[in-house]
């Protein structure tokens, strides 16, 4: 399956499903590579987003030099545009108080979507919820009415967004639950892992939804699920 087809396939499943499938692909559970606190999705009803990470750090608490700010802005947009698509912007706010100024709003979501970026994940803030690009999913830690002195600090360097450690080009899956990194060597294994997980869960769910469900039937269903390979 080519990368476009693969992304189209895994976009059909929510992020918790992808995490569960990664456990199968990895051969066990794991405690890293995903966001670790409640986040806000700009559009909770949008389907999940999948893309290659474009990493950037920002801050908004200190005044900027206008020339330097514009220079970094162009550097970031050029970096965003020249890459594999689709992309997801993974933005670490490095201020001591992340989210003071919103990087995400009406203008930036439209610019990013136009440059092939399908969404963003950030420990910072967003605003203009009613005016954002309606197909751009922004998943942020907070809301702010102001953009303060928001400015790009660095691009293409590893970032950490609420426990989600991401490097440039990593595959990322995200939805209203948060985000997870998909190691490149596991991408091709995901469809089979999702299918296996679904077949195992179906046995349990069918039993739980059937009339007369009880502990004995649960025990049998769990045993039957364990046998599915």
Protein backbone atom coordinates (compact mmCIF):
# COMPACT_ATOMS: atom_id res chain seq x y z
CA UNK A 1 0.00 0.00 0.00
CA UNK A 2 1.45 3.40 -0.97
CA UNK A 3 1.70 6.16 1.62
CA UNK A 4 -1.37 7.99 0.30
CA UNK A 5 -3.48 4.86 0.49
CA UNK A 6 -2.07 4.01 3.89
CA UNK A 7 -2.85 7.44 5.33
CA UNK A 8 -6.35 7.31 3.82
CA UNK A 9 -6.88 3.95 5.52
CA UNK A 10 -5.67 4.83 9.01
CA UNK A 11 -7.54 8.14 8.91
CA UNK A 12 -10.72 6.07 9.19
CA UNK A 13 -9.86 5.14 12.77
CA UNK A 14 -9.67 7.28 15.89
CA UNK A 15 -6.39 7.88 17.69
CA UNK A 16 -7.10 5.43 20.57
CA UNK A 17 -7.57 2.71 17.95
CA UNK A 18 -4.23 3.61 16.38
CA UNK A 19 -2.53 3.46 19.79
CA UNK A 20 -4.03 0.00 20.40
CA UNK A 21 -2.92 -1.16 16.97
CA UNK A 22 0.59 0.14 17.65
CA UNK A 23 0.68 -2.03 20.77
CA UNK A 24 0.08 -5.06 18.57
CA UNK A 25 2.60 -3.92 15.96
CA UNK A 26 5.22 -3.22 18.63
CA UNK A 27 4.53 -6.42 20.53
CA UNK A 28 3.45 -4.73 23.77
CA UNK A 29 2.08 -1.67 25.49
CA UNK A 30 4.11 1.53 25.71
CA UNK A 31 4.13 4.73 27.77
CA UNK A 32 5.66 7.26 25.42
CA UNK A 33 5.04 8.82 22.02
CA UNK A 34 1.60 10.27 22.74
CA UNK A 35 0.16 13.41 24.36
CA UNK A 36 -0.43 13.12 28.09
CA UNK A 37 -3.06 15.63 29.10
CA UNK A 38 -6.49 16.77 28.04
CA UNK A 39 -6.45 18.93 24.92
CA UNK A 40 -9.03 20.98 23.06
CA UNK A 41 -9.99 20.14 19.48
CA UNK A 42 -11.15 23.13 17.44
CA UNK A 43 -13.53 20.86 15.51
CA UNK A 44 -14.31 17.70 17.51
CA UNK A 45 -16.52 16.31 14.73
CA UNK A 46 -13.78 16.40 12.06
CA UNK A 47 -12.27 13.00 11.18
CA UNK A 48 -8.77 12.19 12.45
CA UNK A 49 -5.79 13.82 10.79
CA UNK A 50 -2.68 11.99 9.61
CA UNK A 51 0.46 13.58 8.24
CA UNK A 52 4.20 14.10 8.39
CA UNK A 53 5.30 16.34 11.25
CA UNK A 54 6.58 19.82 10.61
CA UNK A 55 8.15 20.92 13.88
CA UNK A 56 8.45 24.47 15.17
CA UNK A 57 8.97 26.26 18.46
CA UNK A 58 7.31 29.55 19.33
CA UNK A 59 7.08 32.08 22.15
CA UNK A 60 4.84 35.08 22.78
CA UNK A 61 5.88 36.63 26.10
CA UNK A 62 8.69 38.89 24.87
CA UNK A 63 8.63 41.71 22.30
CA UNK A 64 10.04 40.85 18.91
CA UNK A 65 12.25 42.61 16.41
CA UNK A 66 9.93 43.10 13.42
CA UNK A 67 12.57 42.26 10.81
CA UNK A 68 13.73 39.11 12.63
CA UNK A 69 10.14 37.99 13.23
CA UNK A 70 9.33 38.27 9.53
CA UNK A 71 12.54 36.45 8.60
CA UNK A 72 11.65 33.50 10.84
CA UNK A 73 8.06 33.56 9.62
CA UNK A 74 9.18 33.18 6.00
CA UNK A 75 11.70 30.51 6.95
CA UNK A 76 8.96 28.53 8.64
CA UNK A 77 6.44 28.85 5.80
CA UNK A 78 9.08 27.86 3.23
CA UNK A 79 9.96 24.82 5.34
CA UNK A 80 6.29 23.93 5.59
CA UNK A 81 5.69 24.20 1.86
CA UNK A 82 8.72 22.19 0.63
CA UNK A 83 8.02 18.71 1.95
CA UNK A 84 6.02 15.50 1.73
CA UNK A 85 2.30 16.11 2.06
CA UNK A 86 0.03 15.97 3.92
CA UNK A 87 1.67 17.59 6.93
CA UNK A 88 0.76 18.28 10.54
CA UNK A 89 2.33 21.24 12.33
CA UNK A 90 3.63 20.18 15.74
CA UNK A 91 4.28 23.37 17.66
CA UNK A 92 5.97 23.63 21.03
CA UNK A 93 5.37 26.86 22.91
CA UNK A 94 8.61 27.34 24.88
CA UNK A 95 7.36 30.16 27.11
CA UNK A 96 7.27 29.57 30.86
CA UNK A 97 3.53 30.17 30.49
CA UNK A 98 2.63 28.33 27.26
CA UNK A 99 -0.44 29.67 25.52
CA UNK A 100 -0.11 33.31 26.53
CA UNK A 101 -0.42 34.28 22.87
CA UNK A 102 -2.24 32.21 20.27
CA UNK A 103 -0.27 31.10 17.21
CA UNK A 104 -3.42 29.56 15.73
CA UNK A 105 -6.41 31.51 14.47
CA UNK A 106 -8.22 32.53 11.32
CA UNK A 107 -5.21 33.66 9.29
CA UNK A 108 -2.71 30.95 10.19
CA UNK A 109 -5.12 28.05 9.73
CA UNK A 110 -6.00 29.26 6.24
CA UNK A 111 -2.33 29.76 5.33
CA UNK A 112 -1.37 26.31 6.62
CA UNK A 113 -4.23 24.52 4.90
CA UNK A 114 -3.31 26.23 1.64
CA UNK A 115 0.26 24.94 2.02
CA UNK A 116 -0.84 21.31 2.40
CA UNK A 117 -1.03 21.18 6.20
CA UNK A 118 -4.13 19.38 7.51
CA UNK A 119 -3.87 20.31 11.17
CA UNK A 120 -1.80 21.19 14.20
CA UNK A 121 -0.92 19.86 17.63
CA UNK A 122 0.39 22.31 20.22
CA UNK A 123 0.91 22.86 23.92
CA UNK A 124 0.09 26.48 23.17
CA UNK A 125 -3.21 28.19 22.48
CA UNK A 126 -5.64 28.98 19.69
CA UNK A 127 -8.38 31.54 19.03
CA UNK A 128 -10.90 32.53 16.33
CA UNK A 129 -12.67 29.19 16.67
CA UNK A 130 -15.58 30.44 14.59
CA UNK A 131 -13.31 31.74 11.82
CA UNK A 132 -10.65 29.04 11.48
CA UNK A 133 -10.43 27.06 8.26
CA UNK A 134 -13.28 24.55 8.74
CA UNK A 135 -11.21 21.59 7.52
CA UNK A 136 -8.11 22.40 9.55
CA UNK A 137 -8.05 20.51 12.83
CA UNK A 138 -6.20 22.33 15.58
CA UNK A 139 -5.60 20.45 18.82
CA UNK A 140 -4.32 22.80 21.50
CA UNK A 141 -3.78 22.91 25.23
CA UNK A 142 -5.69 26.15 25.76
CA UNK A 143 -7.56 29.13 24.34
CA UNK A 144 -6.41 32.76 24.34
CA UNK A 145 -8.09 35.88 22.97
CA UNK A 146 -4.69 37.46 22.19
CA UNK A 147 -1.73 36.67 19.98
CA UNK A 148 0.51 38.75 22.28
CA UNK A 149 4.09 38.79 20.88
CA UNK A 150 3.81 35.40 19.19
CA UNK A 151 6.83 34.57 17.04
CA UNK A 152 8.66 31.59 15.55
CA UNK A 153 11.85 30.65 17.39
CA UNK A 154 13.18 27.57 15.56
CA UNK A 155 12.04 25.24 12.79
CA UNK A 156 12.72 21.60 11.96
CA UNK A 157 14.13 20.76 15.40
CA UNK A 158 12.78 18.05 17.72
CA UNK A 159 9.93 19.23 19.93
CA UNK A 160 8.01 17.95 22.94
CA UNK A 161 4.32 18.73 23.06
CA UNK A 162 2.79 17.54 26.33
CA UNK A 163 4.87 14.36 26.29
CA UNK A 164 4.63 13.84 22.54
CA UNK A 165 8.26 13.85 21.39
CA UNK A 166 8.32 14.57 17.67
CA UNK A 167 11.06 15.02 15.05
CA UNK A 168 10.72 16.52 11.61
CA UNK A 169 9.07 14.05 9.24
CA UNK A 170 7.61 11.72 11.87
CA UNK A 171 4.18 10.33 11.02
CA UNK A 172 1.54 11.68 13.39
CA UNK A 173 -2.11 10.67 13.93
CA UNK A 174 -4.38 12.98 15.93
CA UNK A 175 -7.99 13.64 16.81
CA UNK A 176 -10.01 15.05 19.72
CA UNK A 177 -8.36 12.54 22.09
CA UNK A 178 -4.82 13.80 21.41
CA UNK A 179 -1.96 12.67 19.19
CA UNK A 180 0.46 9.79 18.72
CA UNK A 181 3.64 9.31 16.71
CA UNK A 182 3.66 6.33 14.35
CA UNK A 183 7.22 5.04 13.85
CA UNK A 184 7.94 4.81 10.13
CA UNK A 185 8.96 1.15 10.41
CA UNK A 186 5.52 0.32 11.82
CA UNK A 187 3.38 2.18 9.29
CA UNK A 188 3.02 -0.79 6.95
CA UNK A 189 2.09 -3.05 9.88
CA UNK A 190 -0.81 -0.91 11.04
CA UNK A 191 -3.59 -2.15 8.71
CA UNK A 192 -3.08 -5.78 9.77
CA UNK A 193 -2.78 -4.76 13.43
CA UNK A 194 -6.02 -2.76 13.24
CA UNK A 195 -7.79 -5.70 11.65
CA UNK A 196 -6.54 -8.13 14.30
CA UNK A 197 -7.55 -5.82 17.12
CA UNK A 198 -11.02 -5.32 15.63
CA UNK A 199 -11.58 -9.07 15.31
CA UNK A 200 -10.49 -9.66 18.90
CA UNK A 201 -12.69 -6.89 20.25
CA UNK A 202 -15.71 -7.99 18.20
CA UNK A 203 -15.93 -11.29 20.05
CA UNK A 204 -16.06 -9.48 23.40
CA UNK A 205 -18.42 -6.75 22.27
CA UNK A 206 -20.83 -9.18 20.62
CA UNK A 207 -21.00 -11.16 23.84
CA UNK A 208 -21.47 -8.06 26.00
CA UNK A 209 -24.34 -6.80 23.82
CA UNK A 210 -26.14 -10.15 23.59
CA UNK A 211 -29.12 -11.01 25.83
CA UNK A 212 -28.19 -13.04 28.88
CA UNK A 213 -24.66 -11.74 29.15
CA UNK A 214 -23.01 -12.76 32.41
CA UNK A 215 -19.62 -13.44 33.96
CA UNK A 216 -19.35 -16.95 32.50
CA UNK A 217 -20.04 -15.65 28.98
CA UNK A 218 -17.55 -12.86 29.51
CA UNK A 219 -14.88 -15.37 30.53
CA UNK A 220 -15.59 -17.47 27.44
CA UNK A 221 -15.50 -14.41 25.19
CA UNK A 222 -12.17 -13.25 26.61
CA UNK A 223 -10.72 -16.73 26.12
CA UNK A 224 -12.00 -16.85 22.53
CA UNK A 225 -10.60 -13.39 21.85
CA UNK A 226 -7.17 -14.45 23.09
CA UNK A 227 -7.12 -17.27 20.54
CA UNK A 228 -7.58 -14.99 17.53
CA UNK A 229 -4.30 -14.51 15.67
